[in-house]
């Protein structure tokens, strides 16, 4: 009797594996394939705009590669470009890049 159950379970596993592995191409849940060609034409994807433009304090520390102590010091004396929204301070990446260029070589 146990061998009979083992065969049934085995067949069920094989059938399930086949159904999951091959799937149906006509299924409504399956993603629609996208064909890309290398004809030199732009497909309208702008990677720059997909990046976050405002950073919170954690993002600022990560972006500049500094720790919390250095961040507090820069906030006091560094005149970092920032914007406050509902009491939370955010830092625009473009302003930070410009600030870094203008302050390269200075000591804080």
PDB file of N, CA and C in Angstrom:
ATOM      1  N   UNK A   1       0.817  -1.185   0.000  1.00  0.00           N
ATOM      2  CA  UNK A   1       0.000   0.000   0.000  1.00  0.00           C
ATOM      3  C   UNK A   1       0.866   1.256   0.000  1.00  0.00           C
ATOM      4  N   UNK A   2       1.994   1.218   0.719  1.00  0.00           N
ATOM      5  CA  UNK A   2       2.865   2.387   0.761  1.00  0.00           C
ATOM      6  C   UNK A   2       3.492   2.664  -0.600  1.00  0.00           C
ATOM      7  N   UNK A   3       3.821   1.651  -1.351  1.00  0.00           N
ATOM      8  CA  UNK A   3       4.401   1.844  -2.682  1.00  0.00           C
ATOM      9  C   UNK A   3       3.412   2.529  -3.617  1.00  0.00           C
ATOM     10  N   UNK A   4       2.139   2.220  -3.469  1.00  0.00           N
ATOM     11  CA  UNK A   4       1.115   2.836  -4.299  1.00  0.00           C
ATOM     12  C   UNK A   4       1.048   4.337  -4.037  1.00  0.00           C
ATOM     13  N   UNK A   5       1.119   4.741  -2.769  1.00  0.00           N
ATOM     14  CA  UNK A   5       1.090   6.160  -2.428  1.00  0.00           C
ATOM     15  C   UNK A   5       2.348   6.872  -2.911  1.00  0.00           C
ATOM     16  N   UNK A   6       3.485   6.204  -2.835  1.00  0.00           N
ATOM     17  CA  UNK A   6       4.734   6.804  -3.301  1.00  0.00           C
ATOM     18  C   UNK A   6       4.667   7.076  -4.792  1.00  0.00           C
ATOM     19  N   UNK A   7       4.085   6.146  -5.576  1.00  0.00           N
ATOM     20  CA  UNK A   7       3.957   6.341  -7.011  1.00  0.00           C
ATOM     21  C   UNK A   7       3.025   7.509  -7.329  1.00  0.00           C
ATOM     22  N   UNK A   8       1.934   7.608  -6.602  1.00  0.00           N
ATOM     23  CA  UNK A   8       0.974   8.686  -6.843  1.00  0.00           C
ATOM     24  C   UNK A   8       1.613  10.037  -6.518  1.00  0.00           C
ATOM     25  N   UNK A   9       2.318  10.088  -5.399  1.00  0.00           N
ATOM     26  CA  UNK A   9       3.001  11.335  -5.021  1.00  0.00           C
ATOM     27  C   UNK A   9       4.070  11.679  -6.047  1.00  0.00           C
ATOM     28  N   UNK A  10       4.813  10.693  -6.488  1.00  0.00           N
ATOM     29  CA  UNK A  10       5.851  10.917  -7.499  1.00  0.00           C
ATOM     30  C   UNK A  10       5.288  11.450  -8.795  1.00  0.00           C
ATOM     31  N   UNK A  11       4.195  10.870  -9.251  1.00  0.00           N
ATOM     32  CA  UNK A  11       3.569  11.325 -10.490  1.00  0.00           C
ATOM     33  C   UNK A  11       3.042  12.751 -10.320  1.00  0.00           C
ATOM     34  N   UNK A  12       2.454  13.043  -9.160  1.00  0.00           N
ATOM     35  CA  UNK A  12       1.961  14.403  -8.904  1.00  0.00           C
ATOM     36  C   UNK A  12       3.096  15.421  -8.917  1.00  0.00           C
ATOM     37  N   UNK A  13       4.232  15.076  -8.346  1.00  0.00           N
ATOM     38  CA  UNK A  13       5.393  15.971  -8.333  1.00  0.00           C
ATOM     39  C   UNK A  13       5.891  16.210  -9.752  1.00  0.00           C
ATOM     40  N   UNK A  14       5.943  15.170 -10.555  1.00  0.00           N
ATOM     41  CA  UNK A  14       6.410  15.305 -11.941  1.00  0.00           C
ATOM     42  C   UNK A  14       5.454  16.193 -12.739  1.00  0.00           C
ATOM     43  N   UNK A  15       4.156  15.945 -12.604  1.00  0.00           N
ATOM     44  CA  UNK A  15       3.166  16.747 -13.332  1.00  0.00           C
ATOM     45  C   UNK A  15       3.222  18.208 -12.879  1.00  0.00           C
ATOM     46  N   UNK A  16       3.316  18.447 -11.569  1.00  0.00           N
ATOM     47  CA  UNK A  16       3.403  19.814 -11.063  1.00  0.00           C
ATOM     48  C   UNK A  16       4.663  20.506 -11.575  1.00  0.00           C
ATOM     49  N   UNK A  17       5.769  19.796 -11.566  1.00  0.00           N
ATOM     50  CA  UNK A  17       7.019  20.369 -12.080  1.00  0.00           C
ATOM     51  C   UNK A  17       6.913  20.725 -13.546  1.00  0.00           C
ATOM     52  N   UNK A  18       6.277  19.861 -14.318  1.00  0.00           N
ATOM     53  CA  UNK A  18       6.096  20.146 -15.741  1.00  0.00           C
ATOM     54  C   UNK A  18       5.213  21.376 -15.950  1.00  0.00           C
ATOM     55  N   UNK A  19       4.129  21.460 -15.185  1.00  0.00           N
ATOM     56  CA  UNK A  19       3.208  22.587 -15.336  1.00  0.00           C
ATOM     57  C   UNK A  19       3.859  23.899 -14.919  1.00  0.00           C
ATOM     58  N   UNK A  20       4.631  23.883 -13.862  1.00  0.00           N
ATOM     59  CA  UNK A  20       5.309  25.098 -13.401  1.00  0.00           C
ATOM     60  C   UNK A  20       6.435  25.473 -14.351  1.00  0.00           C
ATOM     61  N   UNK A  21       7.197  24.479 -14.778  1.00  0.00           N
ATOM     62  CA  UNK A  21       8.363  24.731 -15.628  1.00  0.00           C
ATOM     63  C   UNK A  21       8.014  25.240 -17.003  1.00  0.00           C
ATOM     64  N   UNK A  22       7.063  24.604 -17.660  1.00  0.00           N
ATOM     65  CA  UNK A  22       6.762  25.016 -19.030  1.00  0.00           C
ATOM     66  C   UNK A  22       5.702  26.094 -19.071  1.00  0.00           C
ATOM     67  N   UNK A  23       4.723  26.016 -18.213  1.00  0.00           N
ATOM     68  CA  UNK A  23       3.678  27.027 -18.191  1.00  0.00           C
ATOM     69  C   UNK A  23       2.966  27.119 -19.522  1.00  0.00           C
ATOM     70  N   UNK A  24       1.996  27.956 -19.595  1.00  0.00           N
ATOM     71  CA  UNK A  24       1.251  28.163 -20.827  1.00  0.00           C
ATOM     72  C   UNK A  24       1.578  29.541 -21.366  1.00  0.00           C
ATOM     73  N   UNK A  25       1.973  29.608 -22.620  1.00  0.00           N
ATOM     74  CA  UNK A  25       2.326  30.895 -23.230  1.00  0.00           C
ATOM     75  C   UNK A  25       1.102  31.779 -23.419  1.00  0.00           C
ATOM     76  N   UNK A  26      -0.082  31.170 -23.422  1.00  0.00           N
ATOM     77  CA  UNK A  26      -1.303  31.936 -23.622  1.00  0.00           C
ATOM     78  C   UNK A  26      -1.927  32.410 -22.319  1.00  0.00           C
ATOM     79  N   UNK A  27      -1.278  32.149 -21.201  1.00  0.00           N
ATOM     80  CA  UNK A  27      -1.833  32.505 -19.903  1.00  0.00           C
ATOM     81  C   UNK A  27      -1.915  34.016 -19.745  1.00  0.00           C
ATOM     82  N   UNK A  28      -2.992  34.498 -19.128  1.00  0.00           N
ATOM     83  CA  UNK A  28      -3.179  35.935 -18.914  1.00  0.00           C
ATOM     84  C   UNK A  28      -2.202  36.484 -17.889  1.00  0.00           C
ATOM     85  N   UNK A  29      -1.675  35.611 -17.024  1.00  0.00           N
ATOM     86  CA  UNK A  29      -0.738  36.050 -15.992  1.00  0.00           C
ATOM     87  C   UNK A  29       0.695  36.133 -16.479  1.00  0.00           C
ATOM     88  N   UNK A  30       1.006  35.545 -17.612  1.00  0.00           N
ATOM     89  CA  UNK A  30       2.382  35.555 -18.072  1.00  0.00           C
ATOM     90  C   UNK A  30       2.727  36.910 -18.678  1.00  0.00           C
ATOM     91  N   UNK A  31       3.959  37.381 -18.454  1.00  0.00           N
ATOM     92  CA  UNK A  31       4.347  38.693 -18.982  1.00  0.00           C
ATOM     93  C   UNK A  31       4.447  38.675 -20.503  1.00  0.00           C
ATOM     94  N   UNK A  32       4.181  39.806 -21.086  1.00  0.00           N
ATOM     95  CA  UNK A  32       4.284  39.949 -22.524  1.00  0.00           C
ATOM     96  C   UNK A  32       5.751  40.161 -22.889  1.00  0.00           C
ATOM     97  N   UNK A  33       6.287  39.352 -23.782  1.00  0.00           N
ATOM     98  CA  UNK A  33       7.692  39.537 -24.151  1.00  0.00           C
ATOM     99  C   UNK A  33       7.897  40.843 -24.918  1.00  0.00           C
ATOM    100  N   UNK A  34       9.042  41.452 -24.728  1.00  0.00           N
ATOM    101  CA  UNK A  34       9.385  42.694 -25.410  1.00  0.00           C
ATOM    102  C   UNK A  34      10.541  42.403 -26.353  1.00  0.00           C
ATOM    103  N   UNK A  35      10.381  42.801 -27.576  1.00  0.00           N
ATOM    104  CA  UNK A  35      11.448  42.603 -28.545  1.00  0.00           C
ATOM    105  C   UNK A  35      12.237  43.895 -28.682  1.00  0.00           C
ATOM    106  N   UNK A  36      13.544  43.792 -28.556  1.00  0.00           N
ATOM    107  CA  UNK A  36      14.421  44.951 -28.706  1.00  0.00           C
ATOM    108  C   UNK A  36      15.301  44.735 -29.925  1.00  0.00           C
ATOM    109  N   UNK A  37      15.566  45.802 -30.631  1.00  0.00           N
ATOM    110  CA  UNK A  37      16.463  45.704 -31.773  1.00  0.00           C
ATOM    111  C   UNK A  37      17.559  46.733 -31.606  1.00  0.00           C
ATOM    112  N   UNK A  38      18.671  46.462 -32.214  1.00  0.00           N
ATOM    113  CA  UNK A  38      19.811  47.365 -32.129  1.00  0.00           C
ATOM    114  C   UNK A  38      19.903  48.175 -33.418  1.00  0.00           C
ATOM    115  N   UNK A  39      18.859  48.989 -33.666  1.00  0.00           N
ATOM    116  CA  UNK A  39      18.850  49.800 -34.872  1.00  0.00           C
ATOM    117  C   UNK A  39      19.353  51.215 -34.620  1.00  0.00           C
ATOM    118  N   UNK A  40      19.820  51.474 -33.389  1.00  0.00           N
ATOM    119  CA  UNK A  40      20.355  52.781 -33.057  1.00  0.00           C
ATOM    120  C   UNK A  40      19.313  53.780 -32.626  1.00  0.00           C
ATOM    121  N   UNK A  41      18.045  53.413 -32.661  1.00  0.00           N
ATOM    122  CA  UNK A  41      16.985  54.332 -32.277  1.00  0.00           C
ATOM    123  C   UNK A  41      16.826  54.338 -30.762  1.00  0.00           C
ATOM    124  N   UNK A  42      16.529  55.490 -30.225  1.00  0.00           N
ATOM    125  CA  UNK A  42      16.310  55.621 -28.794  1.00  0.00           C
ATOM    126  C   UNK A  42      14.958  55.042 -28.422  1.00  0.00           C
ATOM    127  N   UNK A  43      14.885  54.378 -27.262  1.00  0.00           N
ATOM    128  CA  UNK A  43      13.599  53.840 -26.822  1.00  0.00           C
ATOM    129  C   UNK A  43      12.983  54.702 -25.739  1.00  0.00           C
ATOM    130  N   UNK A  44      13.535  55.885 -25.484  1.00  0.00           N
ATOM    131  CA  UNK A  44      12.923  56.852 -24.589  1.00  0.00           C
ATOM    132  C   UNK A  44      13.132  56.590 -23.117  1.00  0.00           C
ATOM    133  N   UNK A  45      14.197  55.935 -22.736  1.00  0.00           N
ATOM    134  CA  UNK A  45      14.478  55.693 -21.325  1.00  0.00           C
ATOM    135  C   UNK A  45      15.525  56.692 -20.869  1.00  0.00           C
ATOM    136  N   UNK A  46      15.198  57.464 -19.839  1.00  0.00           N
ATOM    137  CA  UNK A  46      16.128  58.446 -19.300  1.00  0.00           C
ATOM    138  C   UNK A  46      16.564  57.969 -17.928  1.00  0.00           C
ATOM    139  N   UNK A  47      17.762  57.428 -17.829  1.00  0.00           N
ATOM    140  CA  UNK A  47      18.250  56.850 -16.578  1.00  0.00           C
ATOM    141  C   UNK A  47      18.488  57.925 -15.530  1.00  0.00           C
ATOM    142  N   UNK A  48      18.906  59.114 -15.913  1.00  0.00           N
ATOM    143  CA  UNK A  48      19.170  60.176 -14.946  1.00  0.00           C
ATOM    144  C   UNK A  48      17.940  60.518 -14.121  1.00  0.00           C
ATOM    145  N   UNK A  49      16.778  60.551 -14.737  1.00  0.00           N
ATOM    146  CA  UNK A  49      15.562  60.921 -14.029  1.00  0.00           C
ATOM    147  C   UNK A  49      15.049  59.833 -13.109  1.00  0.00           C
ATOM    148  N   UNK A  50      15.577  58.589 -13.233  1.00  0.00           N
ATOM    149  CA  UNK A  50      15.117  57.524 -12.369  1.00  0.00           C
ATOM    150  C   UNK A  50      15.815  57.573 -11.009  1.00  0.00           C
ATOM    151  N   UNK A  51      16.824  58.420 -10.874  1.00  0.00           N
ATOM    152  CA  UNK A  51      17.562  58.534  -9.627  1.00  0.00           C
ATOM    153  C   UNK A  51      16.850  59.489  -8.669  1.00  0.00           C
ATOM    154  N   UNK A  52      16.988  59.255  -7.387  1.00  0.00           N
ATOM    155  CA  UNK A  52      16.389  60.134  -6.392  1.00  0.00           C
ATOM    156  C   UNK A  52      17.074  61.485  -6.455  1.00  0.00           C
ATOM    157  N   UNK A  53      16.282  62.567  -6.455  1.00  0.00           N
ATOM    158  CA  UNK A  53      16.876  63.900  -6.531  1.00  0.00           C
ATOM    159  C   UNK A  53      16.987  64.564  -5.168  1.00  0.00           C
ATOM    160  N   UNK A  54      16.147  64.150  -4.198  1.00  0.00           N
ATOM    161  CA  UNK A  54      16.247  64.676  -2.835  1.00  0.00           C
ATOM    162  C   UNK A  54      16.675  63.563  -1.895  1.00  0.00           C
ATOM    163  N   UNK A  55      17.652  63.854  -1.048  1.00  0.00           N
ATOM    164  CA  UNK A  55      18.160  62.871  -0.096  1.00  0.00           C
ATOM    165  C   UNK A  55      17.778  63.276   1.323  1.00  0.00           C
ATOM    166  N   UNK A  56      17.446  62.301   2.157  1.00  0.00           N
ATOM    167  CA  UNK A  56      17.281  62.587   3.579  1.00  0.00           C
ATOM    168  C   UNK A  56      18.669  62.514   4.229  1.00  0.00           C
ATOM    169  N   UNK A  57      18.747  62.620   5.562  1.00  0.00           N
ATOM    170  CA  UNK A  57      20.054  62.640   6.218  1.00  0.00           C
ATOM    171  C   UNK A  57      20.828  61.341   6.008  1.00  0.00           C
ATOM    172  N   UNK A  58      20.139  60.197   6.072  1.00  0.00           N
ATOM    173  CA  UNK A  58      20.830  58.927   5.829  1.00  0.00           C
ATOM    174  C   UNK A  58      21.351  58.857   4.405  1.00  0.00           C
ATOM    175  N   UNK A  59      20.530  59.314   3.454  1.00  0.00           N
ATOM    176  CA  UNK A  59      20.961  59.334   2.062  1.00  0.00           C
ATOM    177  C   UNK A  59      22.134  60.272   1.846  1.00  0.00           C
ATOM    178  N   UNK A  60      22.123  61.416   2.548  1.00  0.00           N
ATOM    179  CA  UNK A  60      23.227  62.379   2.463  1.00  0.00           C
ATOM    180  C   UNK A  60      24.526  61.750   2.952  1.00  0.00           C
ATOM    181  N   UNK A  61      24.459  61.095   4.099  1.00  0.00           N
ATOM    182  CA  UNK A  61      25.667  60.465   4.646  1.00  0.00           C
ATOM    183  C   UNK A  61      26.201  59.397   3.702  1.00  0.00           C
ATOM    184  N   UNK A  62      25.307  58.597   3.144  1.00  0.00           N
ATOM    185  CA  UNK A  62      25.722  57.556   2.210  1.00  0.00           C
ATOM    186  C   UNK A  62      26.291  58.165   0.926  1.00  0.00           C
ATOM    187  N   UNK A  63      25.626  59.183   0.398  1.00  0.00           N
ATOM    188  CA  UNK A  63      26.039  59.815  -0.853  1.00  0.00           C
ATOM    189  C   UNK A  63      27.408  60.474  -0.730  1.00  0.00           C
ATOM    190  N   UNK A  64      27.653  61.153   0.408  1.00  0.00           N
ATOM    191  CA  UNK A  64      28.940  61.823   0.608  1.00  0.00           C
ATOM    192  C   UNK A  64      29.991  60.911   1.238  1.00  0.00           C
ATOM    193  N   UNK A  65      29.569  59.753   1.744  1.00  0.00           N
ATOM    194  CA  UNK A  65      30.517  58.823   2.365  1.00  0.00           C
ATOM    195  C   UNK A  65      31.022  59.326   3.710  1.00  0.00           C
ATOM    196  N   UNK A  66      30.132  59.933   4.498  1.00  0.00           N
ATOM    197  CA  UNK A  66      30.525  60.481   5.796  1.00  0.00           C
ATOM    198  C   UNK A  66      29.701  59.839   6.899  1.00  0.00           C
ATOM    199  N   UNK A  67      30.156  60.001   8.154  1.00  0.00           N
ATOM    200  CA  UNK A  67      29.394  59.482   9.284  1.00  0.00           C
ATOM    201  C   UNK A  67      28.535  60.584   9.888  1.00  0.00           C
ATOM    202  N   UNK A  68      27.771  60.247  10.920  1.00  0.00           N
ATOM    203  CA  UNK A  68      26.822  61.199  11.505  1.00  0.00           C
ATOM    204  C   UNK A  68      27.524  62.404  12.133  1.00  0.00           C
ATOM    205  N   UNK A  69      28.683  62.185  12.762  1.00  0.00           N
ATOM    206  CA  UNK A  69      29.426  63.284  13.386  1.00  0.00           C
ATOM    207  C   UNK A  69      29.865  64.301  12.323  1.00  0.00           C
ATOM    208  N   UNK A  70      30.399  63.809  11.209  1.00  0.00           N
ATOM    209  CA  UNK A  70      30.832  64.704  10.133  1.00  0.00           C
ATOM    210  C   UNK A  70      29.640  65.420   9.499  1.00  0.00           C
ATOM    211  N   UNK A  71      28.507  64.715   9.391  1.00  0.00           N
ATOM    212  CA  UNK A  71      27.321  65.332   8.825  1.00  0.00           C
ATOM    213  C   UNK A  71      26.855  66.509   9.681  1.00  0.00           C
ATOM    214  N   UNK A  72      26.809  66.331  11.006  1.00  0.00           N
ATOM    215  CA  UNK A  72      26.374  67.402  11.906  1.00  0.00           C
ATOM    216  C   UNK A  72      27.303  68.610  11.793  1.00  0.00           C
ATOM    217  N   UNK A  73      28.598  68.346  11.675  1.00  0.00           N
ATOM    218  CA  UNK A  73      29.568  69.440  11.536  1.00  0.00           C
ATOM    219  C   UNK A  73      29.332  70.200  10.232  1.00  0.00           C
ATOM    220  N   UNK A  74      29.100  69.483   9.148  1.00  0.00           N
ATOM    221  CA  UNK A  74      28.844  70.142   7.868  1.00  0.00           C
ATOM    222  C   UNK A  74      27.540  70.927   7.895  1.00  0.00           C
ATOM    223  N   UNK A  75      26.531  70.410   8.592  1.00  0.00           N
ATOM    224  CA  UNK A  75      25.267  71.129   8.686  1.00  0.00           C
ATOM    225  C   UNK A  75      25.441  72.456   9.417  1.00  0.00           C
ATOM    226  N   UNK A  76      26.346  72.494  10.395  1.00  0.00           N
ATOM    227  CA  UNK A  76      26.565  73.723  11.165  1.00  0.00           C
ATOM    228  C   UNK A  76      27.402  74.740  10.401  1.00  0.00           C
ATOM    229  N   UNK A  77      28.492  74.307   9.799  1.00  0.00           N
ATOM    230  CA  UNK A  77      29.426  75.262   9.196  1.00  0.00           C
ATOM    231  C   UNK A  77      29.546  75.166   7.678  1.00  0.00           C
ATOM    232  N   UNK A  78      28.997  74.139   7.091  1.00  0.00           N
ATOM    233  CA  UNK A  78      29.237  73.898   5.674  1.00  0.00           C
ATOM    234  C   UNK A  78      28.265  74.548   4.729  1.00  0.00           C
ATOM    235  N   UNK A  79      27.178  75.124   5.213  1.00  0.00           N
ATOM    236  CA  UNK A  79      26.190  75.769   4.360  1.00  0.00           C
ATOM    237  C   UNK A  79      25.740  74.813   3.256  1.00  0.00           C
ATOM    238  N   UNK A  80      25.351  73.596   3.661  1.00  0.00           N
ATOM    239  CA  UNK A  80      24.898  72.597   2.701  1.00  0.00           C
ATOM    240  C   UNK A  80      23.589  73.032   2.047  1.00  0.00           C
ATOM    241  N   UNK A  81      23.441  72.809   0.751  1.00  0.00           N
ATOM    242  CA  UNK A  81      22.173  73.126   0.100  1.00  0.00           C
ATOM    243  C   UNK A  81      21.089  72.187   0.628  1.00  0.00           C
ATOM    244  N   UNK A  82      19.993  72.757   1.078  1.00  0.00           N
ATOM    245  CA  UNK A  82      18.935  71.923   1.651  1.00  0.00           C
ATOM    246  C   UNK A  82      17.579  72.579   1.470  1.00  0.00           C
ATOM    247  N   UNK A  83      16.550  71.789   1.688  1.00  0.00           N
ATOM    248  CA  UNK A  83      15.177  72.264   1.663  1.00  0.00           C
ATOM    249  C   UNK A  83      14.459  71.583   2.819  1.00  0.00           C
ATOM    250  N   UNK A  84      13.600  72.307   3.519  1.00  0.00           N
ATOM    251  CA  UNK A  84      12.856  71.740   4.635  1.00  0.00           C
ATOM    252  C   UNK A  84      11.396  71.582   4.226  1.00  0.00           C
ATOM    253  N   UNK A  85      10.881  70.383   4.374  1.00  0.00           N
ATOM    254  CA  UNK A  85       9.494  70.074   4.046  1.00  0.00           C
ATOM    255  C   UNK A  85       8.863  69.426   5.275  1.00  0.00           C
ATOM    256  N   UNK A  86       7.836  70.066   5.825  1.00  0.00           N
ATOM    257  CA  UNK A  86       7.147  69.562   7.024  1.00  0.00           C
ATOM    258  C   UNK A  86       8.118  69.259   8.161  1.00  0.00           C
ATOM    259  N   UNK A  87       9.115  70.088   8.332  1.00  0.00           N
ATOM    260  CA  UNK A  87      10.066  69.920   9.420  1.00  0.00           C
ATOM    261  C   UNK A  87      11.186  68.936   9.137  1.00  0.00           C
ATOM    262  N   UNK A  88      11.171  68.284   7.987  1.00  0.00           N
ATOM    263  CA  UNK A  88      12.227  67.341   7.617  1.00  0.00           C
ATOM    264  C   UNK A  88      13.147  67.987   6.601  1.00  0.00           C
ATOM    265  N   UNK A  89      14.458  67.858   6.812  1.00  0.00           N
ATOM    266  CA  UNK A  89      15.431  68.476   5.927  1.00  0.00           C
ATOM    267  C   UNK A  89      15.850  67.486   4.837  1.00  0.00           C
ATOM    268  N   UNK A  90      15.835  67.955   3.598  1.00  0.00           N
ATOM    269  CA  UNK A  90      16.241  67.166   2.448  1.00  0.00           C
ATOM    270  C   UNK A  90      17.337  67.912   1.698  1.00  0.00           C
ATOM    271  N   UNK A  91      18.165  67.154   0.987  1.00  0.00           N
ATOM    272  CA  UNK A  91      19.319  67.707   0.288  1.00  0.00           C
ATOM    273  C   UNK A  91      19.234  67.331  -1.193  1.00  0.00           C
ATOM    274  N   UNK A  92      19.168  68.327  -2.093  1.00  0.00           N
ATOM    275  CA  UNK A  92      19.112  68.016  -3.525  1.00  0.00           C
ATOM    276  C   UNK A  92      20.481  67.549  -4.034  1.00  0.00           C
ATOM    277  N   UNK A  93      20.483  66.447  -4.780  1.00  0.00           N
ATOM    278  CA  UNK A  93      21.744  65.880  -5.289  1.00  0.00           C
ATOM    279  C   UNK A  93      22.496  66.871  -6.174  1.00  0.00           C
ATOM    280  N   UNK A  94      21.787  67.564  -7.046  1.00  0.00           N
ATOM    281  CA  UNK A  94      22.480  68.497  -7.944  1.00  0.00           C
ATOM    282  C   UNK A  94      23.133  69.617  -7.149  1.00  0.00           C
ATOM    283  N   UNK A  95      22.456  70.114  -6.121  1.00  0.00           N
ATOM    284  CA  UNK A  95      23.038  71.146  -5.263  1.00  0.00           C
ATOM    285  C   UNK A  95      24.236  70.626  -4.488  1.00  0.00           C
ATOM    286  N   UNK A  96      24.167  69.370  -4.032  1.00  0.00           N
ATOM    287  CA  UNK A  96      25.297  68.771  -3.308  1.00  0.00           C
ATOM    288  C   UNK A  96      26.505  68.608  -4.223  1.00  0.00           C
ATOM    289  N   UNK A  97      26.249  68.168  -5.456  1.00  0.00           N
ATOM    290  CA  UNK A  97      27.362  68.026  -6.405  1.00  0.00           C
ATOM    291  C   UNK A  97      28.057  69.364  -6.644  1.00  0.00           C
ATOM    292  N   UNK A  98      27.261  70.395  -6.828  1.00  0.00           N
ATOM    293  CA  UNK A  98      27.813  71.741  -7.042  1.00  0.00           C
ATOM    294  C   UNK A  98      28.565  72.200  -5.785  1.00  0.00           C
ATOM    295  N   UNK A  99      27.986  71.955  -4.586  1.00  0.00           N
ATOM    296  CA  UNK A  99      28.613  72.345  -3.320  1.00  0.00           C
ATOM    297  C   UNK A  99      29.963  71.642  -3.152  1.00  0.00           C
ATOM    298  N   UNK A 100      30.028  70.359  -3.494  1.00  0.00           N
ATOM    299  CA  UNK A 100      31.288  69.612  -3.384  1.00  0.00           C
ATOM    300  C   UNK A 100      32.331  70.209  -4.316  1.00  0.00           C
ATOM    301  N   UNK A 101      31.953  70.509  -5.552  1.00  0.00           N
ATOM    302  CA  UNK A 101      32.899  71.103  -6.501  1.00  0.00           C
ATOM    303  C   UNK A 101      33.412  72.447  -6.007  1.00  0.00           C
ATOM    304  N   UNK A 102      32.513  73.280  -5.481  1.00  0.00           N
ATOM    305  CA  UNK A 102      32.904  74.612  -5.006  1.00  0.00           C
ATOM    306  C   UNK A 102      33.750  74.565  -3.748  1.00  0.00           C
ATOM    307  N   UNK A 103      33.612  73.519  -2.947  1.00  0.00           N
ATOM    308  CA  UNK A 103      34.312  73.445  -1.680  1.00  0.00           C
ATOM    309  C   UNK A 103      35.441  72.440  -1.631  1.00  0.00           C
ATOM    310  N   UNK A 104      35.782  71.880  -2.757  1.00  0.00           N
ATOM    311  CA  UNK A 104      36.914  70.946  -2.809  1.00  0.00           C
ATOM    312  C   UNK A 104      38.194  71.676  -2.420  1.00  0.00           C
ATOM    313  N   UNK A 105      38.903  71.109  -1.477  1.00  0.00           N
ATOM    314  CA  UNK A 105      40.148  71.702  -0.990  1.00  0.00           C
ATOM    315  C   UNK A 105      39.978  72.512   0.287  1.00  0.00           C
ATOM    316  N   UNK A 106      38.744  72.826   0.672  1.00  0.00           N
ATOM    317  CA  UNK A 106      38.501  73.574   1.896  1.00  0.00           C
ATOM    318  C   UNK A 106      38.498  72.618   3.090  1.00  0.00           C
ATOM    319  N   UNK A 107      38.731  73.192   4.269  1.00  0.00           N
ATOM    320  CA  UNK A 107      38.704  72.404   5.501  1.00  0.00           C
ATOM    321  C   UNK A 107      37.536  72.884   6.351  1.00  0.00           C
ATOM    322  N   UNK A 108      36.781  71.940   6.886  1.00  0.00           N
ATOM    323  CA  UNK A 108      35.638  72.267   7.752  1.00  0.00           C
ATOM    324  C   UNK A 108      35.879  71.732   9.133  1.00  0.00           C
TER     325      UNK A 108
END
